């Protein structure tokens, strides 16, 4: 079974140069783990939990996508 993909990729700031394209909850989780440069707020933690849950098939990919965008916008 192929991993779930986002309906549209999410483009996120990659430190001070470039961007990171998250197309799946797994890629989003990788970004949150390895490249997140902002504060680790409750929104960040929620996005991380939901991205991991989407990877595990517990929630759908779009739920994780919305949480990721919410964390990034804040």
C-alpha atoms as a PDB file:
ATOM      1  CA  UNK A   1       0.000   0.000   0.000  1.00  0.00           C
ATOM      2  CA  UNK A   2       1.414   3.371  -1.032  1.00  0.00           C
ATOM      3  CA  UNK A   3       1.683   6.093   1.600  1.00  0.00           C
ATOM      4  CA  UNK A   4      -1.061   8.710   1.542  1.00  0.00           C
ATOM      5  CA  UNK A   5      -0.254  11.942  -0.256  1.00  0.00           C
ATOM      6  CA  UNK A   6      -1.480  15.464   0.356  1.00  0.00           C
ATOM      7  CA  UNK A   7      -4.006  16.840  -2.145  1.00  0.00           C
ATOM      8  CA  UNK A   8      -1.486  19.621  -2.835  1.00  0.00           C
ATOM      9  CA  UNK A   9       2.109  19.849  -1.625  1.00  0.00           C
ATOM     10  CA  UNK A  10       2.970  22.227   1.187  1.00  0.00           C
ATOM     11  CA  UNK A  11       5.976  24.488   0.593  1.00  0.00           C
ATOM     12  CA  UNK A  12       7.821  25.353   3.791  1.00  0.00           C
ATOM     13  CA  UNK A  13      10.738  27.655   4.521  1.00  0.00           C
ATOM     14  CA  UNK A  14      14.017  25.776   4.743  1.00  0.00           C
ATOM     15  CA  UNK A  15      16.159  27.692   7.214  1.00  0.00           C
ATOM     16  CA  UNK A  16      17.142  30.948   5.513  1.00  0.00           C
ATOM     17  CA  UNK A  17      17.539  29.713   1.945  1.00  0.00           C
ATOM     18  CA  UNK A  18      15.197  27.719  -0.201  1.00  0.00           C
ATOM     19  CA  UNK A  19      12.085  25.752   0.517  1.00  0.00           C
ATOM     20  CA  UNK A  20      11.055  22.237   1.431  1.00  0.00           C
ATOM     21  CA  UNK A  21       8.204  20.571  -0.436  1.00  0.00           C
ATOM     22  CA  UNK A  22       6.148  18.187   1.684  1.00  0.00           C
ATOM     23  CA  UNK A  23       3.980  15.936  -0.486  1.00  0.00           C
ATOM     24  CA  UNK A  24       3.160  13.322   2.138  1.00  0.00           C
ATOM     25  CA  UNK A  25       2.682  13.179   5.908  1.00  0.00           C
ATOM     26  CA  UNK A  26       6.028  11.366   6.100  1.00  0.00           C
ATOM     27  CA  UNK A  27       7.831  14.214   4.361  1.00  0.00           C
ATOM     28  CA  UNK A  28       6.030  16.697   6.612  1.00  0.00           C
ATOM     29  CA  UNK A  29       7.091  14.736   9.697  1.00  0.00           C
ATOM     30  CA  UNK A  30      10.680  14.729   8.406  1.00  0.00           C
ATOM     31  CA  UNK A  31      10.533  18.516   8.010  1.00  0.00           C
ATOM     32  CA  UNK A  32       9.132  18.961  11.518  1.00  0.00           C
ATOM     33  CA  UNK A  33      11.812  16.689  12.997  1.00  0.00           C
ATOM     34  CA  UNK A  34      14.850  17.890  11.064  1.00  0.00           C
ATOM     35  CA  UNK A  35      14.268  21.327   9.602  1.00  0.00           C
ATOM     36  CA  UNK A  36      11.770  23.217  11.781  1.00  0.00           C
ATOM     37  CA  UNK A  37      13.426  26.453  12.870  1.00  0.00           C
ATOM     38  CA  UNK A  38      10.511  28.119  14.645  1.00  0.00           C
ATOM     39  CA  UNK A  39       9.377  27.758  18.227  1.00  0.00           C
ATOM     40  CA  UNK A  40       8.040  24.345  19.196  1.00  0.00           C
ATOM     41  CA  UNK A  41       4.596  25.587  20.122  1.00  0.00           C
ATOM     42  CA  UNK A  42       1.452  23.595  20.799  1.00  0.00           C
ATOM     43  CA  UNK A  43       0.585  23.993  17.099  1.00  0.00           C
ATOM     44  CA  UNK A  44       3.955  22.530  16.112  1.00  0.00           C
ATOM     45  CA  UNK A  45       3.471  19.598  18.488  1.00  0.00           C
ATOM     46  CA  UNK A  46      -0.058  18.980  17.200  1.00  0.00           C
ATOM     47  CA  UNK A  47       1.155  18.985  13.597  1.00  0.00           C
ATOM     48  CA  UNK A  48       3.892  16.519  14.481  1.00  0.00           C
ATOM     49  CA  UNK A  49       1.455  14.176  16.238  1.00  0.00           C
ATOM     50  CA  UNK A  50      -1.029  14.319  13.352  1.00  0.00           C
ATOM     51  CA  UNK A  51       1.636  13.808  10.676  1.00  0.00           C
ATOM     52  CA  UNK A  52       2.885  10.737  12.536  1.00  0.00           C
ATOM     53  CA  UNK A  53      -0.694   9.501  12.945  1.00  0.00           C
ATOM     54  CA  UNK A  54      -1.272   9.943   9.205  1.00  0.00           C
ATOM     55  CA  UNK A  55       1.884   7.960   8.439  1.00  0.00           C
ATOM     56  CA  UNK A  56       0.492   5.208  10.678  1.00  0.00           C
ATOM     57  CA  UNK A  57      -2.901   5.362   8.944  1.00  0.00           C
ATOM     58  CA  UNK A  58      -4.758   6.600  12.035  1.00  0.00           C
ATOM     59  CA  UNK A  59      -5.872   9.920  10.522  1.00  0.00           C
ATOM     60  CA  UNK A  60      -6.140  10.966   6.898  1.00  0.00           C
ATOM     61  CA  UNK A  61      -3.406  12.913   5.144  1.00  0.00           C
ATOM     62  CA  UNK A  62      -5.513  16.057   4.795  1.00  0.00           C
ATOM     63  CA  UNK A  63      -5.951  16.326   8.570  1.00  0.00           C
ATOM     64  CA  UNK A  64      -2.171  16.319   8.912  1.00  0.00           C
ATOM     65  CA  UNK A  65      -1.804  18.814   6.042  1.00  0.00           C
ATOM     66  CA  UNK A  66      -4.169  21.302   7.691  1.00  0.00           C
ATOM     67  CA  UNK A  67      -2.318  21.008  11.010  1.00  0.00           C
ATOM     68  CA  UNK A  68       1.047  21.500   9.275  1.00  0.00           C
ATOM     69  CA  UNK A  69      -0.150  24.643   7.504  1.00  0.00           C
ATOM     70  CA  UNK A  70      -1.633  25.972  10.730  1.00  0.00           C
ATOM     71  CA  UNK A  71       1.661  25.477  12.592  1.00  0.00           C
ATOM     72  CA  UNK A  72       3.675  27.059   9.789  1.00  0.00           C
ATOM     73  CA  UNK A  73       1.428  30.106   9.524  1.00  0.00           C
ATOM     74  CA  UNK A  74       1.721  30.832  13.227  1.00  0.00           C
END
